[in-house]
Amino acid sequence: MSSGQDEAGGEAPVRLGRILLVDDQAQNRDMLGRRLERRGYDVVLRESAVTIEDDISAEQIELVLLDWMMPERSGHEALKGIRARYDAEHVPVIVVTALDDGDVVSAALEAGANDYITKPIDLRVLTARVKAQLRSPPGGA
């Protein structure tokens, strides 16, 4: 292994955080997932937000990247479900949207999103926003 040792050897690679990436578009999901993994994040991929609340718990998710426009369950509905079970300090959510529209952004923030980013995604900006959310200690300060 390149960084760290296997389970028998003890030391594991340092991971920066565990992210749930939900996007119904396979190409977006796979490309962004690979890029975040190369930057040191553990990434769990989902094509639907139908079971997102349970996925957060089962996968020990620290941050959610949530596409706003999805067919089975919209990002807006999923975000409301997340906030019914998890507060914004313990499970930050960054909404990802192709709509650079003030109404969409304000709806996302009012529903409990911590931040948002528009498509096409500037990876440097996304990485900075992810780091900022993961760095924020629960309870503030």
N, C-alpha and C. Protein backbone atom coordinates (compact mmCIF):
# COMPACT_ATOMS: atom_id res chain seq x y z
N MET A 1 0.84 -1.19 0.00
CA MET A 1 0.00 0.00 0.00
C MET A 1 0.87 1.24 0.00
N SER A 2 0.41 2.27 -0.66
CA SER A 2 1.23 3.47 -0.80
C SER A 2 1.29 4.33 0.45
N SER A 3 0.17 4.53 1.14
CA SER A 3 0.22 5.34 2.36
C SER A 3 -0.41 4.56 3.49
N GLY A 4 0.39 4.17 4.45
CA GLY A 4 -0.09 3.36 5.56
C GLY A 4 0.15 1.89 5.27
N GLN A 5 -0.32 1.07 6.19
CA GLN A 5 -0.14 -0.37 6.05
C GLN A 5 -1.50 -1.02 5.99
N ASP A 6 -1.50 -2.32 5.69
CA ASP A 6 -2.77 -3.03 5.67
C ASP A 6 -3.28 -3.25 7.09
N GLU A 7 -4.44 -3.89 7.22
CA GLU A 7 -5.06 -4.08 8.53
C GLU A 7 -4.14 -4.83 9.48
N ALA A 8 -3.40 -5.82 9.00
CA ALA A 8 -2.51 -6.60 9.84
C ALA A 8 -1.30 -5.79 10.28
N GLY A 9 -0.87 -4.81 9.45
CA GLY A 9 0.30 -4.00 9.76
C GLY A 9 0.01 -2.85 10.70
N GLY A 10 -1.24 -2.53 10.92
CA GLY A 10 -1.56 -1.49 11.90
C GLY A 10 -2.01 -0.18 11.30
N GLU A 11 -1.08 0.67 10.97
CA GLU A 11 -1.39 2.04 10.58
C GLU A 11 -2.16 2.13 9.26
N ALA A 12 -3.25 2.89 9.28
CA ALA A 12 -4.06 3.09 8.08
C ALA A 12 -3.84 4.51 7.56
N PRO A 13 -4.14 4.76 6.30
CA PRO A 13 -3.98 6.10 5.77
C PRO A 13 -4.91 7.09 6.48
N VAL A 14 -4.45 8.30 6.62
CA VAL A 14 -5.26 9.35 7.23
C VAL A 14 -6.32 9.79 6.23
N ARG A 15 -7.57 9.80 6.66
CA ARG A 15 -8.67 10.23 5.79
C ARG A 15 -9.19 11.56 6.33
N LEU A 16 -9.58 12.42 5.43
CA LEU A 16 -9.99 13.77 5.81
C LEU A 16 -11.46 13.87 6.22
N GLY A 17 -12.25 12.90 5.87
CA GLY A 17 -13.67 12.93 6.22
C GLY A 17 -14.43 11.94 5.35
N ARG A 18 -15.64 11.61 5.81
CA ARG A 18 -16.47 10.64 5.09
C ARG A 18 -17.67 11.39 4.50
N ILE A 19 -17.75 11.37 3.17
CA ILE A 19 -18.73 12.15 2.43
C ILE A 19 -19.72 11.24 1.72
N LEU A 20 -21.00 11.59 1.83
CA LEU A 20 -22.04 10.93 1.04
C LEU A 20 -22.34 11.83 -0.14
N LEU A 21 -22.11 11.32 -1.35
CA LEU A 21 -22.34 12.06 -2.58
C LEU A 21 -23.56 11.47 -3.28
N VAL A 22 -24.63 12.28 -3.38
CA VAL A 22 -25.88 11.81 -3.97
C VAL A 22 -26.15 12.62 -5.24
N ASP A 23 -26.15 11.92 -6.38
CA ASP A 23 -26.41 12.54 -7.67
C ASP A 23 -26.98 11.47 -8.59
N ASP A 24 -28.08 11.76 -9.27
CA ASP A 24 -28.69 10.77 -10.14
C ASP A 24 -27.93 10.58 -11.45
N GLN A 25 -27.01 11.47 -11.77
CA GLN A 25 -26.22 11.36 -13.00
C GLN A 25 -24.92 10.60 -12.71
N ALA A 26 -24.80 9.39 -13.24
CA ALA A 26 -23.65 8.53 -12.96
C ALA A 26 -22.32 9.21 -13.30
N GLN A 27 -22.25 9.91 -14.42
CA GLN A 27 -21.00 10.54 -14.83
C GLN A 27 -20.57 11.60 -13.80
N ASN A 28 -21.50 12.43 -13.35
CA ASN A 28 -21.18 13.45 -12.34
C ASN A 28 -20.72 12.79 -11.04
N ARG A 29 -21.48 11.80 -10.61
CA ARG A 29 -21.23 11.12 -9.35
C ARG A 29 -19.86 10.44 -9.36
N ASP A 30 -19.57 9.70 -10.40
CA ASP A 30 -18.31 8.95 -10.46
C ASP A 30 -17.10 9.86 -10.58
N MET A 31 -17.20 10.87 -11.43
CA MET A 31 -16.07 11.78 -11.63
C MET A 31 -15.77 12.56 -10.34
N LEU A 32 -16.79 13.12 -9.73
CA LEU A 32 -16.59 13.89 -8.51
C LEU A 32 -16.12 12.99 -7.36
N GLY A 33 -16.67 11.80 -7.28
CA GLY A 33 -16.26 10.85 -6.24
C GLY A 33 -14.78 10.50 -6.35
N ARG A 34 -14.32 10.22 -7.57
CA ARG A 34 -12.89 9.89 -7.77
C ARG A 34 -12.00 11.07 -7.39
N ARG A 35 -12.40 12.27 -7.78
CA ARG A 35 -11.57 13.45 -7.49
C ARG A 35 -11.49 13.72 -5.99
N LEU A 36 -12.59 13.54 -5.29
CA LEU A 36 -12.56 13.74 -3.83
C LEU A 36 -11.75 12.65 -3.14
N GLU A 37 -11.85 11.41 -3.62
CA GLU A 37 -11.04 10.33 -3.04
C GLU A 37 -9.55 10.60 -3.23
N ARG A 38 -9.16 11.12 -4.39
CA ARG A 38 -7.75 11.45 -4.63
C ARG A 38 -7.25 12.54 -3.69
N ARG A 39 -8.17 13.35 -3.19
CA ARG A 39 -7.80 14.41 -2.25
C ARG A 39 -7.85 13.95 -0.79
N GLY A 40 -8.15 12.66 -0.58
CA GLY A 40 -8.06 12.09 0.76
C GLY A 40 -9.37 11.87 1.49
N TYR A 41 -10.49 12.01 0.81
CA TYR A 41 -11.79 11.79 1.44
C TYR A 41 -12.28 10.38 1.17
N ASP A 42 -13.01 9.80 2.14
CA ASP A 42 -13.76 8.57 1.90
C ASP A 42 -15.08 9.02 1.30
N VAL A 43 -15.47 8.45 0.17
CA VAL A 43 -16.69 8.88 -0.50
C VAL A 43 -17.62 7.69 -0.70
N VAL A 44 -18.86 7.87 -0.27
CA VAL A 44 -19.92 6.88 -0.47
C VAL A 44 -20.84 7.46 -1.54
N LEU A 45 -21.07 6.71 -2.60
CA LEU A 45 -21.87 7.19 -3.73
C LEU A 45 -23.28 6.60 -3.70
N ARG A 46 -24.26 7.46 -3.99
CA ARG A 46 -25.65 7.02 -4.12
C ARG A 46 -26.27 7.74 -5.32
N GLU A 47 -27.11 7.03 -6.07
CA GLU A 47 -27.77 7.63 -7.23
C GLU A 47 -29.14 8.19 -6.86
N SER A 48 -29.59 7.93 -5.64
CA SER A 48 -30.91 8.37 -5.20
C SER A 48 -30.85 8.79 -3.74
N ALA A 49 -31.75 9.69 -3.37
CA ALA A 49 -31.82 10.16 -1.99
C ALA A 49 -32.95 9.48 -1.22
N VAL A 50 -33.51 8.42 -1.77
CA VAL A 50 -34.67 7.76 -1.16
C VAL A 50 -34.37 7.29 0.26
N THR A 51 -33.19 6.72 0.50
CA THR A 51 -32.85 6.20 1.84
C THR A 51 -31.74 7.02 2.51
N ILE A 52 -31.65 8.29 2.18
CA ILE A 52 -30.51 9.10 2.63
C ILE A 52 -30.36 9.19 4.15
N GLU A 53 -31.47 9.29 4.86
CA GLU A 53 -31.36 9.41 6.33
C GLU A 53 -30.71 8.16 6.93
N ASP A 54 -31.12 6.98 6.45
CA ASP A 54 -30.54 5.73 6.94
C ASP A 54 -29.10 5.56 6.45
N ASP A 55 -28.81 6.00 5.23
CA ASP A 55 -27.44 5.91 4.70
C ASP A 55 -26.47 6.73 5.55
N ILE A 56 -26.90 7.90 6.00
CA ILE A 56 -26.04 8.75 6.83
C ILE A 56 -25.63 8.02 8.09
N SER A 57 -26.58 7.37 8.73
CA SER A 57 -26.30 6.63 9.96
C SER A 57 -25.46 5.38 9.69
N ALA A 58 -25.90 4.57 8.74
CA ALA A 58 -25.23 3.30 8.45
C ALA A 58 -23.80 3.48 7.98
N GLU A 59 -23.55 4.54 7.22
CA GLU A 59 -22.22 4.77 6.64
C GLU A 59 -21.36 5.74 7.45
N GLN A 60 -21.86 6.19 8.59
CA GLN A 60 -21.14 7.13 9.47
C GLN A 60 -20.66 8.36 8.69
N ILE A 61 -21.60 8.99 8.02
CA ILE A 61 -21.32 10.12 7.14
C ILE A 61 -21.05 11.39 7.95
N GLU A 62 -20.04 12.14 7.52
CA GLU A 62 -19.69 13.40 8.17
C GLU A 62 -20.15 14.62 7.39
N LEU A 63 -20.44 14.45 6.09
CA LEU A 63 -20.87 15.56 5.24
C LEU A 63 -21.61 14.98 4.04
N VAL A 64 -22.65 15.70 3.59
CA VAL A 64 -23.44 15.26 2.44
C VAL A 64 -23.31 16.27 1.32
N LEU A 65 -23.01 15.78 0.12
CA LEU A 65 -23.10 16.57 -1.11
C LEU A 65 -24.36 16.09 -1.81
N LEU A 66 -25.34 16.97 -1.92
CA LEU A 66 -26.68 16.58 -2.34
C LEU A 66 -27.11 17.32 -3.59
N ASP A 67 -27.33 16.57 -4.67
CA ASP A 67 -27.87 17.15 -5.89
C ASP A 67 -29.28 17.63 -5.61
N TRP A 68 -29.65 18.80 -6.13
CA TRP A 68 -30.94 19.41 -5.86
C TRP A 68 -32.06 18.83 -6.72
N MET A 69 -31.74 18.51 -7.98
CA MET A 69 -32.77 18.04 -8.91
C MET A 69 -32.58 16.56 -9.22
N MET A 70 -33.41 15.73 -8.57
CA MET A 70 -33.36 14.29 -8.80
C MET A 70 -34.79 13.76 -8.97
N PRO A 71 -34.94 12.69 -9.74
CA PRO A 71 -36.29 12.23 -10.08
C PRO A 71 -37.08 11.55 -8.95
N GLU A 72 -36.48 10.63 -8.22
CA GLU A 72 -37.24 9.87 -7.23
C GLU A 72 -37.59 10.68 -5.99
N ARG A 73 -36.64 11.43 -5.53
CA ARG A 73 -36.81 12.28 -4.34
C ARG A 73 -35.92 13.48 -4.54
N SER A 74 -36.52 14.64 -4.55
CA SER A 74 -35.74 15.85 -4.82
C SER A 74 -34.76 16.14 -3.68
N GLY A 75 -33.77 16.94 -4.00
CA GLY A 75 -32.84 17.38 -2.97
C GLY A 75 -33.56 18.13 -1.86
N HIS A 76 -34.57 18.90 -2.23
CA HIS A 76 -35.33 19.67 -1.24
C HIS A 76 -36.03 18.73 -0.25
N GLU A 77 -36.70 17.71 -0.76
CA GLU A 77 -37.37 16.73 0.12
C GLU A 77 -36.35 15.96 0.96
N ALA A 78 -35.25 15.56 0.35
CA ALA A 78 -34.21 14.83 1.07
C ALA A 78 -33.60 15.69 2.19
N LEU A 79 -33.38 16.95 1.89
CA LEU A 79 -32.81 17.86 2.88
C LEU A 79 -33.75 18.03 4.07
N LYS A 80 -35.04 18.14 3.82
CA LYS A 80 -36.00 18.23 4.91
C LYS A 80 -35.96 16.95 5.77
N GLY A 81 -35.82 15.80 5.13
CA GLY A 81 -35.70 14.55 5.86
C GLY A 81 -34.43 14.46 6.69
N ILE A 82 -33.33 14.93 6.11
CA ILE A 82 -32.05 14.93 6.84
C ILE A 82 -32.18 15.81 8.08
N ARG A 83 -32.72 17.02 7.89
CA ARG A 83 -32.81 17.95 9.02
C ARG A 83 -33.81 17.52 10.10
N ALA A 84 -34.72 16.64 9.75
CA ALA A 84 -35.64 16.10 10.76
C ALA A 84 -34.90 15.15 11.71
N ARG A 85 -33.77 14.57 11.24
CA ARG A 85 -33.00 13.61 12.06
C ARG A 85 -31.64 14.11 12.49
N TYR A 86 -31.03 15.00 11.72
CA TYR A 86 -29.65 15.42 12.00
C TYR A 86 -29.55 16.94 11.93
N ASP A 87 -28.84 17.53 12.88
CA ASP A 87 -28.69 18.98 12.82
C ASP A 87 -27.54 19.37 11.90
N ALA A 88 -27.53 20.64 11.54
CA ALA A 88 -26.56 21.16 10.56
C ALA A 88 -25.12 21.15 11.07
N GLU A 89 -24.94 21.15 12.37
CA GLU A 89 -23.58 21.13 12.92
C GLU A 89 -22.95 19.75 12.83
N HIS A 90 -23.76 18.70 13.00
CA HIS A 90 -23.22 17.35 13.03
C HIS A 90 -23.21 16.67 11.66
N VAL A 91 -24.13 17.06 10.79
CA VAL A 91 -24.15 16.52 9.42
C VAL A 91 -24.38 17.70 8.48
N PRO A 92 -23.30 18.38 8.12
CA PRO A 92 -23.44 19.49 7.16
C PRO A 92 -23.84 18.96 5.78
N VAL A 93 -24.64 19.78 5.09
CA VAL A 93 -25.10 19.44 3.74
C VAL A 93 -24.73 20.57 2.80
N ILE A 94 -24.05 20.22 1.72
CA ILE A 94 -23.77 21.17 0.65
C ILE A 94 -24.63 20.76 -0.54
N VAL A 95 -25.51 21.65 -0.94
CA VAL A 95 -26.40 21.39 -2.08
C VAL A 95 -25.64 21.68 -3.37
N VAL A 96 -25.80 20.78 -4.33
CA VAL A 96 -25.18 20.93 -5.65
C VAL A 96 -26.31 21.13 -6.65
N THR A 97 -26.25 22.22 -7.41
CA THR A 97 -27.32 22.51 -8.35
C THR A 97 -26.80 23.09 -9.65
N ALA A 98 -27.48 22.76 -10.73
CA ALA A 98 -27.17 23.35 -12.03
C ALA A 98 -27.90 24.68 -12.18
N LEU A 99 -28.82 24.96 -11.28
CA LEU A 99 -29.63 26.17 -11.35
C LEU A 99 -28.98 27.28 -10.53
N ASP A 100 -28.42 28.26 -11.21
CA ASP A 100 -27.83 29.41 -10.52
C ASP A 100 -28.95 30.43 -10.35
N ASP A 101 -29.86 30.10 -9.46
CA ASP A 101 -31.10 30.84 -9.29
C ASP A 101 -31.25 31.19 -7.82
N GLY A 102 -31.50 32.46 -7.53
CA GLY A 102 -31.63 32.91 -6.14
C GLY A 102 -32.74 32.20 -5.40
N ASP A 103 -33.84 31.85 -6.09
CA ASP A 103 -34.94 31.15 -5.42
C ASP A 103 -34.51 29.76 -4.97
N VAL A 104 -33.76 29.05 -5.80
CA VAL A 104 -33.28 27.71 -5.45
C VAL A 104 -32.30 27.80 -4.29
N VAL A 105 -31.36 28.71 -4.37
CA VAL A 105 -30.36 28.87 -3.32
C VAL A 105 -31.03 29.23 -1.99
N SER A 106 -31.95 30.18 -2.01
CA SER A 106 -32.61 30.57 -0.77
C SER A 106 -33.46 29.42 -0.22
N ALA A 107 -34.13 28.66 -1.09
CA ALA A 107 -34.92 27.50 -0.64
C ALA A 107 -34.02 26.46 0.02
N ALA A 108 -32.85 26.22 -0.56
CA ALA A 108 -31.91 25.25 0.00
C ALA A 108 -31.41 25.70 1.37
N LEU A 109 -31.03 26.96 1.48
CA LEU A 109 -30.52 27.47 2.76
C LEU A 109 -31.62 27.50 3.82
N GLU A 110 -32.82 27.89 3.43
CA GLU A 110 -33.94 27.91 4.37
C GLU A 110 -34.31 26.51 4.84
N ALA A 111 -34.11 25.50 3.99
CA ALA A 111 -34.42 24.11 4.36
C ALA A 111 -33.32 23.49 5.22
N GLY A 112 -32.21 24.20 5.40
CA GLY A 112 -31.18 23.70 6.29
C GLY A 112 -29.85 23.36 5.67
N ALA A 113 -29.64 23.70 4.39
CA ALA A 113 -28.33 23.47 3.78
C ALA A 113 -27.30 24.37 4.45
N ASN A 114 -26.09 23.86 4.60
CA ASN A 114 -25.00 24.65 5.16
C ASN A 114 -24.37 25.53 4.10
N ASP A 115 -24.41 25.07 2.84
CA ASP A 115 -23.76 25.78 1.75
C ASP A 115 -24.32 25.23 0.44
N TYR A 116 -23.88 25.81 -0.66
CA TYR A 116 -24.30 25.32 -1.97
C TYR A 116 -23.17 25.57 -2.95
N ILE A 117 -23.21 24.85 -4.06
CA ILE A 117 -22.27 25.07 -5.14
C ILE A 117 -23.02 24.77 -6.44
N THR A 118 -22.68 25.53 -7.48
CA THR A 118 -23.37 25.35 -8.75
C THR A 118 -22.52 24.52 -9.72
N LYS A 119 -23.22 23.85 -10.63
CA LYS A 119 -22.57 23.09 -11.70
C LYS A 119 -22.39 24.02 -12.89
N PRO A 120 -21.36 23.87 -13.68
CA PRO A 120 -20.28 22.91 -13.50
C PRO A 120 -19.46 23.25 -12.25
N ILE A 121 -19.01 22.21 -11.57
CA ILE A 121 -18.34 22.38 -10.29
C ILE A 121 -16.88 22.74 -10.48
N ASP A 122 -16.47 23.80 -9.80
CA ASP A 122 -15.06 24.16 -9.70
C ASP A 122 -14.53 23.37 -8.51
N LEU A 123 -13.69 22.37 -8.78
CA LEU A 123 -13.23 21.46 -7.74
C LEU A 123 -12.47 22.18 -6.62
N ARG A 124 -11.74 23.23 -6.97
CA ARG A 124 -11.02 23.98 -5.93
C ARG A 124 -11.99 24.63 -4.96
N VAL A 125 -13.07 25.19 -5.49
CA VAL A 125 -14.07 25.84 -4.65
C VAL A 125 -14.79 24.78 -3.81
N LEU A 126 -15.18 23.67 -4.43
CA LEU A 126 -15.86 22.62 -3.68
C LEU A 126 -14.97 22.09 -2.55
N THR A 127 -13.71 21.83 -2.84
CA THR A 127 -12.79 21.32 -1.83
C THR A 127 -12.67 22.30 -0.67
N ALA A 128 -12.57 23.59 -0.96
CA ALA A 128 -12.49 24.60 0.10
C ALA A 128 -13.76 24.60 0.95
N ARG A 129 -14.91 24.48 0.31
CA ARG A 129 -16.18 24.48 1.05
C ARG A 129 -16.33 23.22 1.90
N VAL A 130 -15.92 22.07 1.36
CA VAL A 130 -15.96 20.82 2.12
C VAL A 130 -15.05 20.93 3.34
N LYS A 131 -13.83 21.41 3.13
CA LYS A 131 -12.89 21.57 4.25
C LYS A 131 -13.45 22.49 5.32
N ALA A 132 -14.05 23.59 4.91
CA ALA A 132 -14.62 24.53 5.87
C ALA A 132 -15.73 23.89 6.69
N GLN A 133 -16.58 23.10 6.07
CA GLN A 133 -17.67 22.45 6.80
C GLN A 133 -17.15 21.35 7.73
N LEU A 134 -16.17 20.60 7.31
CA LEU A 134 -15.63 19.53 8.14
C LEU A 134 -14.76 20.06 9.27
N ARG A 135 -14.20 21.23 9.07
CA ARG A 135 -13.35 21.84 10.08
C ARG A 135 -14.16 22.48 11.19
N SER A 136 -15.40 22.88 10.90
CA SER A 136 -16.24 23.53 11.89
C SER A 136 -16.56 22.55 13.00
N PRO A 137 -16.08 22.83 14.23
CA PRO A 137 -16.35 21.89 15.32
C PRO A 137 -17.81 21.94 15.75
N PRO A 138 -18.41 20.77 16.08
CA PRO A 138 -19.77 20.78 16.58
C PRO A 138 -19.89 21.69 17.80
N GLY A 139 -20.92 22.48 17.84
CA GLY A 139 -21.11 23.41 18.96
C GLY A 139 -20.47 24.75 18.72
N GLY A 140 -19.82 24.93 17.58
CA GLY A 140 -19.21 26.24 17.26
C GLY A 140 -17.85 26.40 17.89
N ALA A 141 -17.30 27.63 17.75
CA ALA A 141 -15.97 28.02 18.27
C ALA A 141 -14.93 27.22 17.59
